[in-house]
Protein backbone atom coordinates (compact mmCIF):
# COMPACT_ATOMS: atom_id res chain seq x y z
CA MET A 1 -0.10 -0.06 0.06
CA LYS A 2 1.53 3.52 -1.09
CA ARG A 3 1.61 5.62 2.08
CA SER A 4 1.29 8.77 -0.15
CA VAL A 5 -2.41 8.44 0.17
CA LEU A 6 -3.39 7.95 3.95
CA SER A 7 -6.55 6.16 4.15
CA ALA A 8 -8.18 4.68 7.41
CA THR A 9 -10.62 1.94 7.23
CA LEU A 10 -11.59 0.95 10.85
CA GLY A 11 -14.10 -1.86 10.17
CA LEU A 12 -15.20 -5.26 11.68
CA ALA A 13 -14.24 -8.50 9.93
CA LEU A 14 -17.16 -10.83 10.36
CA ALA A 15 -17.88 -14.08 8.73
CA ALA A 16 -20.17 -13.83 5.78
CA GLY A 17 -23.88 -14.71 6.08
CA LEU A 18 -24.14 -14.35 9.91
CA ALA A 19 -27.37 -12.29 9.59
CA VAL A 20 -30.21 -11.22 7.50
CA LEU A 21 -30.40 -7.87 6.12
CA PRO A 22 -32.83 -5.24 7.87
CA THR A 23 -36.27 -5.57 6.60
CA GLY A 24 -37.03 -2.68 4.19
CA ALA A 25 -33.58 -1.29 4.58
CA ALA A 26 -32.81 1.47 2.27
CA ALA A 27 -30.65 0.76 -0.70
CA ALA A 28 -26.90 1.12 -0.09
CA SER A 29 -25.47 4.57 -0.82
CA ALA A 30 -22.40 4.42 -2.89
CA ALA A 31 -19.49 5.36 -0.51
CA PRO A 32 -16.22 6.64 -1.92
CA ALA A 33 -13.65 3.98 -2.60
CA ALA A 34 -11.48 3.33 0.18
CA PRO A 35 -8.01 1.73 -0.70
CA ALA A 36 -7.18 0.41 2.74
CA VAL A 37 -9.19 -1.49 5.36
CA GLN A 38 -9.23 -1.81 9.19
CA GLY A 39 -11.92 -1.71 11.88
CA TYR A 40 -14.46 -2.74 14.63
CA THR A 41 -13.07 -6.13 14.72
CA ALA A 42 -13.62 -9.66 16.42
CA SER A 43 -11.33 -10.60 19.22
CA THR A 44 -9.23 -12.74 16.92
CA TYR A 45 -7.80 -9.58 15.23
CA ALA A 46 -5.29 -7.56 16.95
CA GLY A 47 -4.78 -4.55 14.31
CA SER A 48 -1.53 -3.35 12.94
CA ALA A 49 0.67 -0.41 12.95
CA ALA A 50 -0.49 0.61 9.42
CA GLU A 51 -4.07 0.83 10.61
CA THR A 52 -3.15 2.78 13.69
CA ALA A 53 -1.40 5.41 11.44
CA ASP A 54 -4.43 5.38 9.14
CA ASN A 55 -6.64 5.91 12.13
CA GLN A 56 -4.69 8.82 13.33
CA ALA A 57 -4.73 10.44 9.82
CA PHE A 58 -8.56 10.27 9.84
CA PHE A 59 -8.75 11.91 13.21
CA GLN A 60 -6.26 14.58 12.05
CA ALA A 61 -8.18 15.33 8.78
CA VAL A 62 -11.49 15.66 10.89
CA MET A 63 -9.76 18.15 13.39
CA ALA A 64 -8.13 20.22 10.80
CA SER A 65 -11.60 20.53 9.06
CA ALA A 66 -13.39 21.47 12.33
CA LYS A 67 -10.57 23.76 13.60
CA ALA A 68 -10.35 25.75 10.44
CA LYS A 69 -14.15 26.39 10.63
CA GLN A 70 -13.70 27.38 14.41
CA ALA A 71 -11.13 30.06 13.49
CA ALA A 72 -13.91 31.97 12.11
CA SER A 73 -15.39 32.21 15.54
CA PRO A 74 -12.46 32.11 17.91
CA LEU A 75 -14.64 32.88 21.21
CA LEU A 76 -16.09 29.45 20.96
CA ALA A 77 -14.57 27.28 23.62
CA THR A 78 -15.91 23.95 22.09
CA VAL A 79 -14.92 22.66 18.87
CA VAL A 80 -17.96 21.52 16.82
CA VAL A 81 -17.58 18.52 14.42
CA THR A 82 -20.26 18.50 11.83
CA TYR A 83 -21.49 15.42 10.26
CA ASP A 84 -23.97 14.38 7.47
CA ALA A 85 -25.91 11.30 8.03
CA SER A 86 -28.24 11.82 5.02
CA SER A 87 -26.70 8.76 3.07
CA ALA A 88 -27.38 6.37 6.03
CA PRO A 89 -31.12 6.78 6.48
CA SER A 90 -31.51 3.31 7.99
CA PHE A 91 -29.33 4.35 10.87
CA ARG A 92 -30.55 7.78 11.59
CA ASN A 93 -31.49 6.80 15.03
CA GLN A 94 -28.30 5.04 15.88
CA ILE A 95 -26.24 7.90 14.72
CA ALA A 96 -28.29 10.48 16.63
CA ASN A 97 -27.98 8.22 19.75
CA ALA A 98 -24.17 7.81 19.27
CA ALA A 99 -23.77 11.75 18.90
CA ALA A 100 -25.73 12.20 22.01
CA ILE A 101 -23.58 9.71 23.97
CA TRP A 102 -20.30 11.47 23.09
CA ASN A 103 -21.81 14.91 23.60
CA SER A 104 -22.76 14.08 27.11
CA SER A 105 -19.45 12.29 27.64
CA VAL A 106 -16.89 15.01 26.53
CA SER A 107 -16.97 18.86 26.76
CA ASN A 108 -14.16 20.04 24.42
CA VAL A 109 -15.65 18.69 21.25
CA GLN A 110 -19.36 18.32 20.23
CA LEU A 111 -21.05 16.44 17.34
CA ARG A 112 -23.85 18.19 15.26
CA ALA A 113 -25.75 17.22 12.19
CA GLY A 114 -25.42 19.76 9.45
CA SER A 115 -24.12 20.84 6.19
CA ASN A 116 -20.51 21.63 5.24
CA ALA A 117 -19.83 18.32 7.04
CA ASP A 118 -16.37 17.40 8.36
CA PHE A 119 -17.35 13.74 7.79
CA ARG A 120 -20.12 11.67 6.46
CA TYR A 121 -22.06 8.28 7.33
CA TYR A 122 -22.85 5.77 4.64
CA GLU A 123 -24.59 2.41 4.66
CA GLY A 124 -24.74 -0.71 2.78
CA ASN A 125 -23.12 -4.22 2.48
CA ASP A 126 -19.45 -4.78 2.90
CA SER A 127 -17.60 -7.97 3.80
CA ARG A 128 -15.20 -5.79 5.59
CA GLY A 129 -17.87 -4.64 8.08
CA SER A 130 -18.21 -1.14 9.44
CA TYR A 131 -15.29 1.16 9.26
CA ALA A 132 -14.11 4.75 9.01
CA SER A 133 -12.10 6.04 6.21
CA THR A 134 -10.26 9.09 4.92
CA ASP A 135 -8.00 10.32 2.26
CA GLY A 136 -5.75 12.25 4.72
CA HIS A 137 -6.88 15.60 3.41
CA GLY A 138 -9.96 16.53 5.22
CA SER A 139 -12.40 14.17 3.43
CA GLY A 140 -13.78 11.31 5.48
CA TYR A 141 -16.65 9.11 6.14
CA ILE A 142 -17.88 6.22 8.27
CA PHE A 143 -19.48 3.22 6.65
CA LEU A 144 -22.01 1.19 8.52
CA ASP A 145 -22.62 -2.50 7.35
CA TYR A 146 -26.01 -4.09 7.59
CA GLN A 147 -24.98 -7.63 8.67
CA GLN A 148 -22.67 -6.42 11.23
CA ASN A 149 -25.08 -4.23 12.76
CA GLN A 150 -27.53 -7.09 12.94
CA GLN A 151 -25.08 -9.27 14.79
CA TYR A 152 -23.58 -6.62 17.21
CA ASN A 153 -25.18 -3.83 19.08
CA SER A 154 -25.86 -1.06 16.46
CA VAL A 155 -25.38 1.85 18.65
CA ARG A 156 -22.33 0.54 20.14
CA VAL A 157 -20.79 -0.04 16.48
CA THR A 158 -21.79 3.44 15.55
CA ALA A 159 -20.33 5.14 18.67
CA HIS A 160 -17.19 2.94 18.36
CA GLU A 161 -16.71 4.19 14.58
CA THR A 162 -17.42 7.74 15.78
CA GLY A 163 -14.82 7.34 18.52
CA HIS A 164 -12.22 7.14 15.63
CA VAL A 165 -13.35 10.45 14.24
CA LEU A 166 -12.67 11.88 17.86
CA GLY A 167 -9.19 10.29 17.83
CA LEU A 168 -9.31 7.08 19.67
CA PRO A 169 -7.59 3.88 18.31
CA ASP A 170 -9.03 0.43 18.45
CA HIS A 171 -8.14 -1.79 21.47
CA TYR A 172 -9.67 -5.10 20.76
CA SER A 173 -8.26 -6.79 23.86
CA GLY A 174 -10.05 -4.42 26.22
CA PRO A 175 -13.15 -5.23 28.20
CA CYS A 176 -16.88 -4.61 27.40
CA SER A 177 -16.61 -1.47 29.43
CA GLU A 178 -14.25 -0.03 26.92
CA LEU A 179 -16.01 1.29 23.92
CA MET A 180 -12.92 1.02 21.61
CA SER A 181 -12.62 -2.66 22.23
CA GLY A 182 -15.12 -2.96 19.56
CA GLY A 183 -15.98 -6.51 18.71
CA GLY A 184 -13.30 -8.04 21.08
CA PRO A 185 -15.74 -8.91 23.96
CA GLY A 186 -18.24 -10.53 21.44
CA PRO A 187 -21.78 -9.77 20.23
CA SER A 188 -23.23 -10.06 23.84
CA CYS A 189 -21.49 -6.75 24.69
CA THR A 190 -23.96 -3.98 24.23
CA ASN A 191 -22.25 -1.04 26.00
CA PRO A 192 -22.36 2.07 23.81
CA TYR A 193 -20.56 4.31 26.15
CA PRO A 194 -16.90 5.36 26.49
CA ASN A 195 -15.19 4.81 29.85
CA SER A 196 -13.53 7.48 32.00
CA THR A 197 -10.00 6.86 30.19
CA GLU A 198 -11.46 7.16 26.79
CA ARG A 199 -13.47 10.37 27.80
CA SER A 200 -10.48 11.93 29.30
CA ARG A 201 -8.41 11.09 26.16
CA VAL A 202 -10.93 12.72 23.76
CA ASN A 203 -11.21 15.89 25.96
CA SER A 204 -7.41 16.25 26.05
CA LEU A 205 -7.03 15.71 22.20
CA TRP A 206 -9.58 18.37 21.37
CA LEU A 207 -8.31 20.85 24.08
CA PHE A 208 -4.79 20.87 22.72
CA GLY A 209 -5.35 20.05 19.22
């Protein structure tokens, strides 16, 4: 993989055919192509240094976009990260819930739906599962996979992927109480909330940039 294009794909590698698609789910929106893959993964996967670097690139791209807009209103103490969920209509409630969870958990950055978005959500079918991706230049998105969101708690998946936007890496060996442990604890884990360490880390990242 050429490192000249920084892409992050923070997804979940699940076996095919584990769940039936949501009844009446909207047709998948075509997400931009992503040349690299990583993500909300099962406990058998430990991640890689390349994926960690790509994850960091996504966070930095989103922060740069949000900070540039904040510069126009320098008196605002909290950085606002704007997202567009219009291309993931089946997950509208999960996205709103994930944003509300993060907004109630941290104070130095807040997530808001709106135009001129810093990142976008898409939905559909992908053997890689759900993931976050960026080109490293301020354009990024989160992809939510239908089958994975049937097997795993959908709000946890969405909040986990959104955690990458806020700067947190995967830590698959962590307990269920750790949001960024992703699929490591297994499908029985339904916790969608970041723990105190994760909350503190996000606040620190967005305070100092």
